[in-house]
């Protein structure tokens, strides 16, 4: 399940308000005026107001999927007026370089830079997947997990600790073992032994539930995705449903305006959909065997 940040933004845009994707006219390029673009799919003999006050976004690609050079300062504009007879869209201020013939443009209800992207990034923090790490082979009593994994910043992310068959003696598969997780100076620590036993020598495997926000382009990224082409291993509908909820939390006035005419999902409907997606993509539940102070190998607290 690989998708891009741009894909998630488009899927979210369809949920939060009016959204259209089109392309600039190939026959009549916009060269004489730096404040408008002609959009064939928006031409109509019917007086309608489809895109006025929406944000026009340029992602730098044409209708055939070829890259188009776009100055970052030209990336988005607010639509000032719209002439349906010509399919002419006038923006609030001129571009340095106008859209080229066939360039894909998008129309959004939310500001793409400071609203849409931020709710999508926030939604990715809600979407979890299971991951596992080997802490290495050494005499291990306690380990600072955040030092090794900077994105691991919550004790509830640690779900299971296993001892690997190193060098031998534990069969052919890792064995679950008691542990306790605690915080210290903003870091998450794991302890794999009590005061009555010896440290473990061997590969310790830690299973965590981590947000998709921190796994971008197939590698750890604390700051999360920032570019249209950044890839994430998350289901598209799962991510869009999470972003929809974040939009309701952060921009209730704009979401309420879009939902008032029953053209978009209400807050309750959005919450129900994210609950459904969370259930579809729910993660395995592991029994957490936690240590008591002074554990001597016999007394356990088992939290199922």
C-alpha atoms as a PDB file:
ATOM      1  CA  UNK A   1       0.000   0.000   0.000  1.00  0.00           C
ATOM      2  CA  UNK A   2       2.190   2.822  -1.294  1.00  0.00           C
ATOM      3  CA  UNK A   3       0.808   6.278  -1.965  1.00  0.00           C
ATOM      4  CA  UNK A   4       2.151   9.804  -2.260  1.00  0.00           C
ATOM      5  CA  UNK A   5       1.515  12.857  -0.121  1.00  0.00           C
ATOM      6  CA  UNK A   6      -0.189  14.485  -3.122  1.00  0.00           C
ATOM      7  CA  UNK A   7      -2.529  11.490  -3.503  1.00  0.00           C
ATOM      8  CA  UNK A   8      -3.578  11.759   0.153  1.00  0.00           C
ATOM      9  CA  UNK A   9      -4.148  15.497  -0.192  1.00  0.00           C
ATOM     10  CA  UNK A  10      -6.388  14.971  -3.223  1.00  0.00           C
ATOM     11  CA  UNK A  11      -8.360  12.223  -1.481  1.00  0.00           C
ATOM     12  CA  UNK A  12      -8.781  14.465   1.561  1.00  0.00           C
ATOM     13  CA  UNK A  13      -9.796  17.460  -0.566  1.00  0.00           C
ATOM     14  CA  UNK A  14     -12.738  15.487  -1.974  1.00  0.00           C
ATOM     15  CA  UNK A  15     -13.988  14.939   1.584  1.00  0.00           C
ATOM     16  CA  UNK A  16     -13.579  18.403   3.076  1.00  0.00           C
ATOM     17  CA  UNK A  17     -15.197  20.630   0.446  1.00  0.00           C
ATOM     18  CA  UNK A  18     -15.449  21.493  -3.240  1.00  0.00           C
ATOM     19  CA  UNK A  19     -12.572  20.032  -5.237  1.00  0.00           C
ATOM     20  CA  UNK A  20     -11.905  19.960  -8.971  1.00  0.00           C
ATOM     21  CA  UNK A  21      -8.992  18.767 -11.069  1.00  0.00           C
ATOM     22  CA  UNK A  22      -8.561  20.109 -14.597  1.00  0.00           C
ATOM     23  CA  UNK A  23      -5.880  21.229 -17.047  1.00  0.00           C
ATOM     24  CA  UNK A  24      -5.014  24.416 -18.902  1.00  0.00           C
ATOM     25  CA  UNK A  25      -6.213  24.809 -22.482  1.00  0.00           C
ATOM     26  CA  UNK A  26      -3.861  23.192 -25.014  1.00  0.00           C
ATOM     27  CA  UNK A  27      -5.251  25.117 -27.980  1.00  0.00           C
ATOM     28  CA  UNK A  28      -5.196  28.669 -26.584  1.00  0.00           C
ATOM     29  CA  UNK A  29      -2.190  29.022 -24.289  1.00  0.00           C
ATOM     30  CA  UNK A  30      -2.349  31.746 -21.668  1.00  0.00           C
ATOM     31  CA  UNK A  31       0.466  34.043 -22.734  1.00  0.00           C
ATOM     32  CA  UNK A  32      -1.032  37.529 -23.026  1.00  0.00           C
ATOM     33  CA  UNK A  33      -2.219  37.889 -19.445  1.00  0.00           C
ATOM     34  CA  UNK A  34      -0.457  36.720 -16.323  1.00  0.00           C
ATOM     35  CA  UNK A  35      -3.572  36.675 -14.144  1.00  0.00           C
ATOM     36  CA  UNK A  36      -5.849  34.106 -15.766  1.00  0.00           C
ATOM     37  CA  UNK A  37      -5.902  30.597 -17.181  1.00  0.00           C
ATOM     38  CA  UNK A  38      -8.345  29.014 -19.639  1.00  0.00           C
ATOM     39  CA  UNK A  39      -9.795  25.686 -18.498  1.00  0.00           C
ATOM     40  CA  UNK A  40     -11.783  23.769 -21.169  1.00  0.00           C
ATOM     41  CA  UNK A  41     -13.559  21.487 -18.671  1.00  0.00           C
ATOM     42  CA  UNK A  42     -15.042  24.528 -16.913  1.00  0.00           C
ATOM     43  CA  UNK A  43     -16.636  26.017 -20.055  1.00  0.00           C
ATOM     44  CA  UNK A  44     -20.418  26.107 -19.900  1.00  0.00           C
ATOM     45  CA  UNK A  45     -23.329  28.083 -21.362  1.00  0.00           C
ATOM     46  CA  UNK A  46     -24.978  27.897 -17.964  1.00  0.00           C
ATOM     47  CA  UNK A  47     -24.209  30.661 -15.510  1.00  0.00           C
ATOM     48  CA  UNK A  48     -22.584  28.882 -12.604  1.00  0.00           C
ATOM     49  CA  UNK A  49     -20.011  29.741  -9.997  1.00  0.00           C
ATOM     50  CA  UNK A  50     -17.872  26.646  -9.518  1.00  0.00           C
ATOM     51  CA  UNK A  51     -14.452  27.888  -8.498  1.00  0.00           C
ATOM     52  CA  UNK A  52     -14.636  31.502  -7.271  1.00  0.00           C
ATOM     53  CA  UNK A  53     -12.941  31.855  -3.853  1.00  0.00           C
ATOM     54  CA  UNK A  54     -11.350  28.408  -4.153  1.00  0.00           C
ATOM     55  CA  UNK A  55      -7.589  27.918  -4.132  1.00  0.00           C
ATOM     56  CA  UNK A  56      -5.925  27.149  -7.472  1.00  0.00           C
ATOM     57  CA  UNK A  57      -2.977  24.780  -6.965  1.00  0.00           C
ATOM     58  CA  UNK A  58      -0.194  23.916  -9.425  1.00  0.00           C
ATOM     59  CA  UNK A  59       1.790  20.750  -8.620  1.00  0.00           C
ATOM     60  CA  UNK A  60       4.159  20.952 -11.597  1.00  0.00           C
ATOM     61  CA  UNK A  61       2.848  18.206 -13.866  1.00  0.00           C
ATOM     62  CA  UNK A  62       0.964  18.162 -17.183  1.00  0.00           C
ATOM     63  CA  UNK A  63      -1.997  16.044 -18.228  1.00  0.00           C
ATOM     64  CA  UNK A  64       0.355  13.380 -19.651  1.00  0.00           C
ATOM     65  CA  UNK A  65       2.267  13.077 -16.383  1.00  0.00           C
ATOM     66  CA  UNK A  66       5.327  15.017 -17.566  1.00  0.00           C
ATOM     67  CA  UNK A  67       6.990  17.399 -15.115  1.00  0.00           C
ATOM     68  CA  UNK A  68       6.401  21.130 -15.538  1.00  0.00           C
ATOM     69  CA  UNK A  69       8.624  23.770 -13.989  1.00  0.00           C
ATOM     70  CA  UNK A  70       6.675  25.873 -11.474  1.00  0.00           C
ATOM     71  CA  UNK A  71       8.163  28.640  -9.363  1.00  0.00           C
ATOM     72  CA  UNK A  72       7.356  27.974  -5.666  1.00  0.00           C
ATOM     73  CA  UNK A  73       5.874  31.468  -5.498  1.00  0.00           C
ATOM     74  CA  UNK A  74       3.461  30.515  -8.305  1.00  0.00           C
ATOM     75  CA  UNK A  75       2.306  27.287  -6.680  1.00  0.00           C
ATOM     76  CA  UNK A  76      -1.067  28.568  -5.447  1.00  0.00           C
ATOM     77  CA  UNK A  77      -3.449  31.470  -5.959  1.00  0.00           C
ATOM     78  CA  UNK A  78      -6.960  32.349  -4.825  1.00  0.00           C
ATOM     79  CA  UNK A  79      -9.572  32.443  -7.615  1.00  0.00           C
ATOM     80  CA  UNK A  80     -10.945  35.987  -7.919  1.00  0.00           C
ATOM     81  CA  UNK A  81     -13.453  35.643 -10.779  1.00  0.00           C
ATOM     82  CA  UNK A  82     -14.657  32.946 -13.146  1.00  0.00           C
ATOM     83  CA  UNK A  83     -16.188  33.311 -16.626  1.00  0.00           C
ATOM     84  CA  UNK A  84     -18.039  30.072 -17.460  1.00  0.00           C
ATOM     85  CA  UNK A  85     -18.605  31.011 -21.115  1.00  0.00           C
ATOM     86  CA  UNK A  86     -14.852  31.063 -21.817  1.00  0.00           C
ATOM     87  CA  UNK A  87     -13.768  28.777 -19.002  1.00  0.00           C
ATOM     88  CA  UNK A  88     -11.570  31.651 -17.865  1.00  0.00           C
ATOM     89  CA  UNK A  89     -10.296  31.599 -14.297  1.00  0.00           C
ATOM     90  CA  UNK A  90      -8.881  34.888 -13.005  1.00  0.00           C
ATOM     91  CA  UNK A  91      -6.604  34.691  -9.962  1.00  0.00           C
ATOM     92  CA  UNK A  92      -6.067  37.270  -7.219  1.00  0.00           C
ATOM     93  CA  UNK A  93      -2.524  38.224  -8.264  1.00  0.00           C
ATOM     94  CA  UNK A  94      -0.369  37.581 -11.342  1.00  0.00           C
ATOM     95  CA  UNK A  95       1.932  34.618 -11.803  1.00  0.00           C
ATOM     96  CA  UNK A  96       5.595  35.070 -12.641  1.00  0.00           C
ATOM     97  CA  UNK A  97       5.129  32.270 -15.188  1.00  0.00           C
ATOM     98  CA  UNK A  98       1.636  31.349 -16.347  1.00  0.00           C
ATOM     99  CA  UNK A  99       0.436  27.710 -16.558  1.00  0.00           C
ATOM    100  CA  UNK A 100       1.666  26.006 -19.718  1.00  0.00           C
ATOM    101  CA  UNK A 101      -0.768  24.352 -22.166  1.00  0.00           C
ATOM    102  CA  UNK A 102      -2.030  21.096 -20.674  1.00  0.00           C
ATOM    103  CA  UNK A 103      -0.710  21.823 -17.185  1.00  0.00           C
ATOM    104  CA  UNK A 104      -2.775  20.133 -14.474  1.00  0.00           C
ATOM    105  CA  UNK A 105      -4.389  22.493 -11.983  1.00  0.00           C
ATOM    106  CA  UNK A 106      -6.459  21.752  -8.910  1.00  0.00           C
ATOM    107  CA  UNK A 107      -9.123  23.784  -7.111  1.00  0.00           C
ATOM    108  CA  UNK A 108      -9.330  23.403  -3.324  1.00  0.00           C
ATOM    109  CA  UNK A 109     -11.593  24.521  -0.505  1.00  0.00           C
ATOM    110  CA  UNK A 110      -8.750  24.547   2.053  1.00  0.00           C
ATOM    111  CA  UNK A 111      -5.547  26.534   1.671  1.00  0.00           C
ATOM    112  CA  UNK A 112      -3.185  23.862   0.243  1.00  0.00           C
ATOM    113  CA  UNK A 113      -0.085  25.070   2.087  1.00  0.00           C
ATOM    114  CA  UNK A 114      -1.227  25.999   5.577  1.00  0.00           C
ATOM    115  CA  UNK A 115      -4.484  24.056   5.976  1.00  0.00           C
ATOM    116  CA  UNK A 116      -4.762  21.008   3.713  1.00  0.00           C
ATOM    117  CA  UNK A 117      -1.170  19.855   4.030  1.00  0.00           C
ATOM    118  CA  UNK A 118      -1.135  20.317   7.785  1.00  0.00           C
ATOM    119  CA  UNK A 119      -4.326  18.319   8.413  1.00  0.00           C
ATOM    120  CA  UNK A 120      -2.977  15.544   6.173  1.00  0.00           C
ATOM    121  CA  UNK A 121       0.296  15.464   8.117  1.00  0.00           C
ATOM    122  CA  UNK A 122      -1.651  15.449  11.388  1.00  0.00           C
ATOM    123  CA  UNK A 123      -3.822  12.605  10.093  1.00  0.00           C
ATOM    124  CA  UNK A 124      -0.746  10.515   9.322  1.00  0.00           C
ATOM    125  CA  UNK A 125       0.155  10.695  13.016  1.00  0.00           C
ATOM    126  CA  UNK A 126      -3.134   8.893  13.716  1.00  0.00           C
ATOM    127  CA  UNK A 127      -2.446   6.079  11.227  1.00  0.00           C
ATOM    128  CA  UNK A 128      -0.355   3.343  12.839  1.00  0.00           C
ATOM    129  CA  UNK A 129       1.580   0.327  11.620  1.00  0.00           C
ATOM    130  CA  UNK A 130       3.594  -2.358  13.373  1.00  0.00           C
ATOM    131  CA  UNK A 131       7.386  -2.319  13.233  1.00  0.00           C
ATOM    132  CA  UNK A 132      10.167  -4.249  14.973  1.00  0.00           C
ATOM    133  CA  UNK A 133      13.787  -3.479  15.831  1.00  0.00           C
ATOM    134  CA  UNK A 134      16.791  -5.406  17.132  1.00  0.00           C
ATOM    135  CA  UNK A 135      18.527  -3.630  19.996  1.00  0.00           C
ATOM    136  CA  UNK A 136      21.759  -5.472  19.293  1.00  0.00           C
ATOM    137  CA  UNK A 137      23.757  -8.142  21.091  1.00  0.00           C
ATOM    138  CA  UNK A 138      25.193  -7.125  24.438  1.00  0.00           C
ATOM    139  CA  UNK A 139      24.522  -7.393  28.152  1.00  0.00           C
ATOM    140  CA  UNK A 140      21.247  -5.454  28.199  1.00  0.00           C
ATOM    141  CA  UNK A 141      19.530  -4.337  31.392  1.00  0.00           C
ATOM    142  CA  UNK A 142      18.005  -1.059  30.273  1.00  0.00           C
ATOM    143  CA  UNK A 143      18.000   0.655  26.886  1.00  0.00           C
ATOM    144  CA  UNK A 144      17.202   4.191  25.736  1.00  0.00           C
ATOM    145  CA  UNK A 145      14.887   3.529  22.790  1.00  0.00           C
ATOM    146  CA  UNK A 146      14.474   7.171  21.791  1.00  0.00           C
ATOM    147  CA  UNK A 147      18.218   7.582  21.451  1.00  0.00           C
ATOM    148  CA  UNK A 148      18.275   4.809  18.854  1.00  0.00           C
ATOM    149  CA  UNK A 149      14.865   5.625  17.341  1.00  0.00           C
ATOM    150  CA  UNK A 150      14.285   9.401  17.628  1.00  0.00           C
ATOM    151  CA  UNK A 151      10.661   9.178  16.436  1.00  0.00           C
ATOM    152  CA  UNK A 152       9.788   6.842  19.357  1.00  0.00           C
ATOM    153  CA  UNK A 153       8.529   9.374  21.903  1.00  0.00           C
ATOM    154  CA  UNK A 154       5.629   7.686  23.726  1.00  0.00           C
ATOM    155  CA  UNK A 155       5.826   4.767  26.148  1.00  0.00           C
ATOM    156  CA  UNK A 156       2.555   3.370  24.775  1.00  0.00           C
ATOM    157  CA  UNK A 157       4.193   2.730  21.402  1.00  0.00           C
ATOM    158  CA  UNK A 158       6.151  -0.257  22.788  1.00  0.00           C
ATOM    159  CA  UNK A 159       3.994  -3.383  22.569  1.00  0.00           C
ATOM    160  CA  UNK A 160       6.291  -6.394  22.862  1.00  0.00           C
ATOM    161  CA  UNK A 161       9.852  -7.389  23.733  1.00  0.00           C
ATOM    162  CA  UNK A 162      11.376 -10.694  22.633  1.00  0.00           C
ATOM    163  CA  UNK A 163      14.749 -12.295  23.106  1.00  0.00           C
ATOM    164  CA  UNK A 164      16.289 -13.630  19.917  1.00  0.00           C
ATOM    165  CA  UNK A 165      17.830 -17.135  19.733  1.00  0.00           C
ATOM    166  CA  UNK A 166      21.379 -15.845  20.283  1.00  0.00           C
ATOM    167  CA  UNK A 167      23.584 -17.754  20.087  1.00  0.00           C
ATOM    168  CA  UNK A 168      21.264 -20.684  20.736  1.00  0.00           C
ATOM    169  CA  UNK A 169      19.158 -22.262  23.396  1.00  0.00           C
ATOM    170  CA  UNK A 170      15.797 -20.616  22.694  1.00  0.00           C
ATOM    171  CA  UNK A 171      14.650 -22.847  19.867  1.00  0.00           C
ATOM    172  CA  UNK A 172      14.105 -21.558  16.349  1.00  0.00           C
ATOM    173  CA  UNK A 173      11.945 -18.546  17.152  1.00  0.00           C
ATOM    174  CA  UNK A 174      12.175 -15.478  19.415  1.00  0.00           C
ATOM    175  CA  UNK A 175      10.675 -15.815  22.884  1.00  0.00           C
ATOM    176  CA  UNK A 176       8.539 -13.126  24.524  1.00  0.00           C
ATOM    177  CA  UNK A 177       9.952 -11.831  27.770  1.00  0.00           C
ATOM    178  CA  UNK A 178       8.864  -9.579  30.664  1.00  0.00           C
ATOM    179  CA  UNK A 179       9.712  -5.910  30.407  1.00  0.00           C
ATOM    180  CA  UNK A 180       8.742  -2.469  31.645  1.00  0.00           C
ATOM    181  CA  UNK A 181       8.698   0.806  29.717  1.00  0.00           C
ATOM    182  CA  UNK A 182       9.276   4.160  31.388  1.00  0.00           C
ATOM    183  CA  UNK A 183      10.158   7.735  30.506  1.00  0.00           C
ATOM    184  CA  UNK A 184      13.206   9.756  31.453  1.00  0.00           C
ATOM    185  CA  UNK A 185      13.990  13.320  30.310  1.00  0.00           C
ATOM    186  CA  UNK A 186      11.640  13.020  27.355  1.00  0.00           C
ATOM    187  CA  UNK A 187      13.084   9.678  26.224  1.00  0.00           C
ATOM    188  CA  UNK A 188      11.422   6.249  26.252  1.00  0.00           C
ATOM    189  CA  UNK A 189      13.359   3.538  28.052  1.00  0.00           C
ATOM    190  CA  UNK A 190      12.831  -0.202  28.268  1.00  0.00           C
ATOM    191  CA  UNK A 191      13.987  -2.402  31.161  1.00  0.00           C
ATOM    192  CA  UNK A 192      14.276  -6.125  30.544  1.00  0.00           C
ATOM    193  CA  UNK A 193      15.229  -7.344  33.987  1.00  0.00           C
ATOM    194  CA  UNK A 194      14.351  -6.776  37.623  1.00  0.00           C
ATOM    195  CA  UNK A 195      16.647  -6.409  40.566  1.00  0.00           C
ATOM    196  CA  UNK A 196      16.673 -10.124  41.253  1.00  0.00           C
ATOM    197  CA  UNK A 197      18.047 -11.415  37.943  1.00  0.00           C
ATOM    198  CA  UNK A 198      20.854 -11.027  35.454  1.00  0.00           C
ATOM    199  CA  UNK A 199      20.994  -8.860  32.302  1.00  0.00           C
ATOM    200  CA  UNK A 200      20.175 -10.565  29.015  1.00  0.00           C
ATOM    201  CA  UNK A 201      22.890 -11.293  26.480  1.00  0.00           C
ATOM    202  CA  UNK A 202      21.551 -11.601  22.966  1.00  0.00           C
ATOM    203  CA  UNK A 203      19.451  -9.882  20.382  1.00  0.00           C
ATOM    204  CA  UNK A 204      16.479  -8.100  21.918  1.00  0.00           C
ATOM    205  CA  UNK A 205      13.596  -7.532  19.505  1.00  0.00           C
ATOM    206  CA  UNK A 206      11.228  -4.652  20.288  1.00  0.00           C
ATOM    207  CA  UNK A 207       7.821  -4.490  18.585  1.00  0.00           C
ATOM    208  CA  UNK A 208       6.222  -1.056  18.351  1.00  0.00           C
ATOM    209  CA  UNK A 209       3.129   0.586  16.909  1.00  0.00           C
ATOM    210  CA  UNK A 210       4.406   3.668  15.109  1.00  0.00           C
ATOM    211  CA  UNK A 211       2.690   6.390  13.033  1.00  0.00           C
ATOM    212  CA  UNK A 212       3.046   6.429   9.261  1.00  0.00           C
ATOM    213  CA  UNK A 213       4.124  10.062   9.664  1.00  0.00           C
ATOM    214  CA  UNK A 214       7.637   8.935  10.658  1.00  0.00           C
ATOM    215  CA  UNK A 215       8.194   6.428   7.789  1.00  0.00           C
ATOM    216  CA  UNK A 216       8.627   8.304   4.488  1.00  0.00           C
ATOM    217  CA  UNK A 217      10.220   7.172   1.223  1.00  0.00           C
ATOM    218  CA  UNK A 218      11.152   3.882   2.872  1.00  0.00           C
ATOM    219  CA  UNK A 219      13.203   5.411   5.690  1.00  0.00           C
ATOM    220  CA  UNK A 220      12.875   7.076   9.078  1.00  0.00           C
ATOM    221  CA  UNK A 221      11.939  10.755   8.858  1.00  0.00           C
ATOM    222  CA  UNK A 222      11.188  12.598  12.095  1.00  0.00           C
ATOM    223  CA  UNK A 223       9.782  15.649  10.314  1.00  0.00           C
ATOM    224  CA  UNK A 224       7.311  13.628   8.256  1.00  0.00           C
ATOM    225  CA  UNK A 225       6.465  14.084   4.561  1.00  0.00           C
ATOM    226  CA  UNK A 226       6.896  17.555   3.057  1.00  0.00           C
ATOM    227  CA  UNK A 227       6.888  17.073  -0.736  1.00  0.00           C
ATOM    228  CA  UNK A 228       4.138  16.085  -3.170  1.00  0.00           C
ATOM    229  CA  UNK A 229       6.135  13.067  -4.357  1.00  0.00           C
ATOM    230  CA  UNK A 230       6.998  11.745  -0.863  1.00  0.00           C
ATOM    231  CA  UNK A 231       5.776   8.146  -0.624  1.00  0.00           C
ATOM    232  CA  UNK A 232       4.110   6.514   2.367  1.00  0.00           C
ATOM    233  CA  UNK A 233       3.189   2.874   2.991  1.00  0.00           C
ATOM    234  CA  UNK A 234      -0.335   3.671   4.120  1.00  0.00           C
ATOM    235  CA  UNK A 235      -3.769   2.852   2.725  1.00  0.00           C
ATOM    236  CA  UNK A 236      -5.120   5.902   0.904  1.00  0.00           C
ATOM    237  CA  UNK A 237      -8.634   5.812   2.392  1.00  0.00           C
ATOM    238  CA  UNK A 238      -7.268   5.251   5.900  1.00  0.00           C
ATOM    239  CA  UNK A 239      -5.018   8.310   5.626  1.00  0.00           C
ATOM    240  CA  UNK A 240      -7.726  10.489   4.062  1.00  0.00           C
ATOM    241  CA  UNK A 241     -10.262   9.539   6.761  1.00  0.00           C
ATOM    242  CA  UNK A 242      -7.747  10.495   9.463  1.00  0.00           C
ATOM    243  CA  UNK A 243      -7.011  13.823   7.763  1.00  0.00           C
ATOM    244  CA  UNK A 244     -10.750  14.496   7.493  1.00  0.00           C
ATOM    245  CA  UNK A 245     -11.108  14.214  11.270  1.00  0.00           C
ATOM    246  CA  UNK A 246      -8.122  16.527  11.793  1.00  0.00           C
ATOM    247  CA  UNK A 247      -9.723  19.059   9.456  1.00  0.00           C
ATOM    248  CA  UNK A 248     -12.880  19.033  11.609  1.00  0.00           C
ATOM    249  CA  UNK A 249     -10.752  19.531  14.737  1.00  0.00           C
ATOM    250  CA  UNK A 250      -8.622  22.348  13.349  1.00  0.00           C
ATOM    251  CA  UNK A 251     -10.916  24.111  10.854  1.00  0.00           C
ATOM    252  CA  UNK A 252     -14.471  23.584  12.107  1.00  0.00           C
ATOM    253  CA  UNK A 253     -15.883  26.761  10.537  1.00  0.00           C
ATOM    254  CA  UNK A 254     -14.683  25.853   7.043  1.00  0.00           C
ATOM    255  CA  UNK A 255     -15.787  22.237   7.361  1.00  0.00           C
ATOM    256  CA  UNK A 256     -19.198  23.261   8.708  1.00  0.00           C
ATOM    257  CA  UNK A 257     -19.657  25.637   5.776  1.00  0.00           C
ATOM    258  CA  UNK A 258     -18.969  22.821   3.313  1.00  0.00           C
ATOM    259  CA  UNK A 259     -21.216  20.323   5.146  1.00  0.00           C
ATOM    260  CA  UNK A 260     -24.120  22.730   5.749  1.00  0.00           C
ATOM    261  CA  UNK A 261     -25.758  21.930   2.404  1.00  0.00           C
ATOM    262  CA  UNK A 262     -25.387  18.168   2.935  1.00  0.00           C
ATOM    263  CA  UNK A 263     -22.810  18.100   0.142  1.00  0.00           C
ATOM    264  CA  UNK A 264     -20.005  16.939   2.446  1.00  0.00           C
ATOM    265  CA  UNK A 265     -19.861  14.560   5.400  1.00  0.00           C
ATOM    266  CA  UNK A 266     -20.736  15.897   8.827  1.00  0.00           C
ATOM    267  CA  UNK A 267     -18.319  15.644  11.741  1.00  0.00           C
ATOM    268  CA  UNK A 268     -20.198  12.610  13.059  1.00  0.00           C
ATOM    269  CA  UNK A 269     -20.065  10.874   9.675  1.00  0.00           C
ATOM    270  CA  UNK A 270     -16.346  11.624   9.362  1.00  0.00           C
ATOM    271  CA  UNK A 271     -15.721  10.196  12.838  1.00  0.00           C
ATOM    272  CA  UNK A 272     -17.670   7.052  12.015  1.00  0.00           C
ATOM    273  CA  UNK A 273     -15.683   6.542   8.807  1.00  0.00           C
ATOM    274  CA  UNK A 274     -12.344   6.926  10.582  1.00  0.00           C
ATOM    275  CA  UNK A 275     -13.500   4.452  13.238  1.00  0.00           C
ATOM    276  CA  UNK A 276     -14.368   1.988  10.459  1.00  0.00           C
ATOM    277  CA  UNK A 277     -11.001   2.483   8.749  1.00  0.00           C
ATOM    278  CA  UNK A 278      -9.172   2.081  12.065  1.00  0.00           C
ATOM    279  CA  UNK A 279     -10.952  -1.219  12.616  1.00  0.00           C
ATOM    280  CA  UNK A 280     -10.104  -2.429   9.102  1.00  0.00           C
ATOM    281  CA  UNK A 281      -6.432  -1.547   9.644  1.00  0.00           C
ATOM    282  CA  UNK A 282      -6.252  -2.510  13.318  1.00  0.00           C
ATOM    283  CA  UNK A 283      -2.928  -3.860  14.509  1.00  0.00           C
ATOM    284  CA  UNK A 284      -2.170  -7.143  16.316  1.00  0.00           C
ATOM    285  CA  UNK A 285      -2.676  -7.067  20.055  1.00  0.00           C
ATOM    286  CA  UNK A 286       0.142  -8.504  22.129  1.00  0.00           C
ATOM    287  CA  UNK A 287      -0.029  -9.526  25.772  1.00  0.00           C
ATOM    288  CA  UNK A 288       2.330  -7.218  27.622  1.00  0.00           C
ATOM    289  CA  UNK A 289       4.187  -9.024  30.381  1.00  0.00           C
ATOM    290  CA  UNK A 290       5.434  -6.303  32.673  1.00  0.00           C
ATOM    291  CA  UNK A 291       7.910  -6.609  35.514  1.00  0.00           C
ATOM    292  CA  UNK A 292       7.208  -5.932  39.144  1.00  0.00           C
ATOM    293  CA  UNK A 293       9.903  -4.259  41.211  1.00  0.00           C
ATOM    294  CA  UNK A 294      12.231  -6.881  42.571  1.00  0.00           C
ATOM    295  CA  UNK A 295      11.080  -9.490  40.031  1.00  0.00           C
ATOM    296  CA  UNK A 296      12.584 -12.850  40.850  1.00  0.00           C
ATOM    297  CA  UNK A 297      11.370 -14.899  37.907  1.00  0.00           C
ATOM    298  CA  UNK A 298       8.079 -15.973  39.497  1.00  0.00           C
ATOM    299  CA  UNK A 299       5.857 -12.914  40.004  1.00  0.00           C
ATOM    300  CA  UNK A 300       4.382 -11.268  36.895  1.00  0.00           C
ATOM    301  CA  UNK A 301       1.804  -8.623  36.128  1.00  0.00           C
ATOM    302  CA  UNK A 302       0.054  -9.588  32.911  1.00  0.00           C
ATOM    303  CA  UNK A 303      -1.905  -6.884  31.095  1.00  0.00           C
ATOM    304  CA  UNK A 304      -3.893  -8.513  28.316  1.00  0.00           C
END
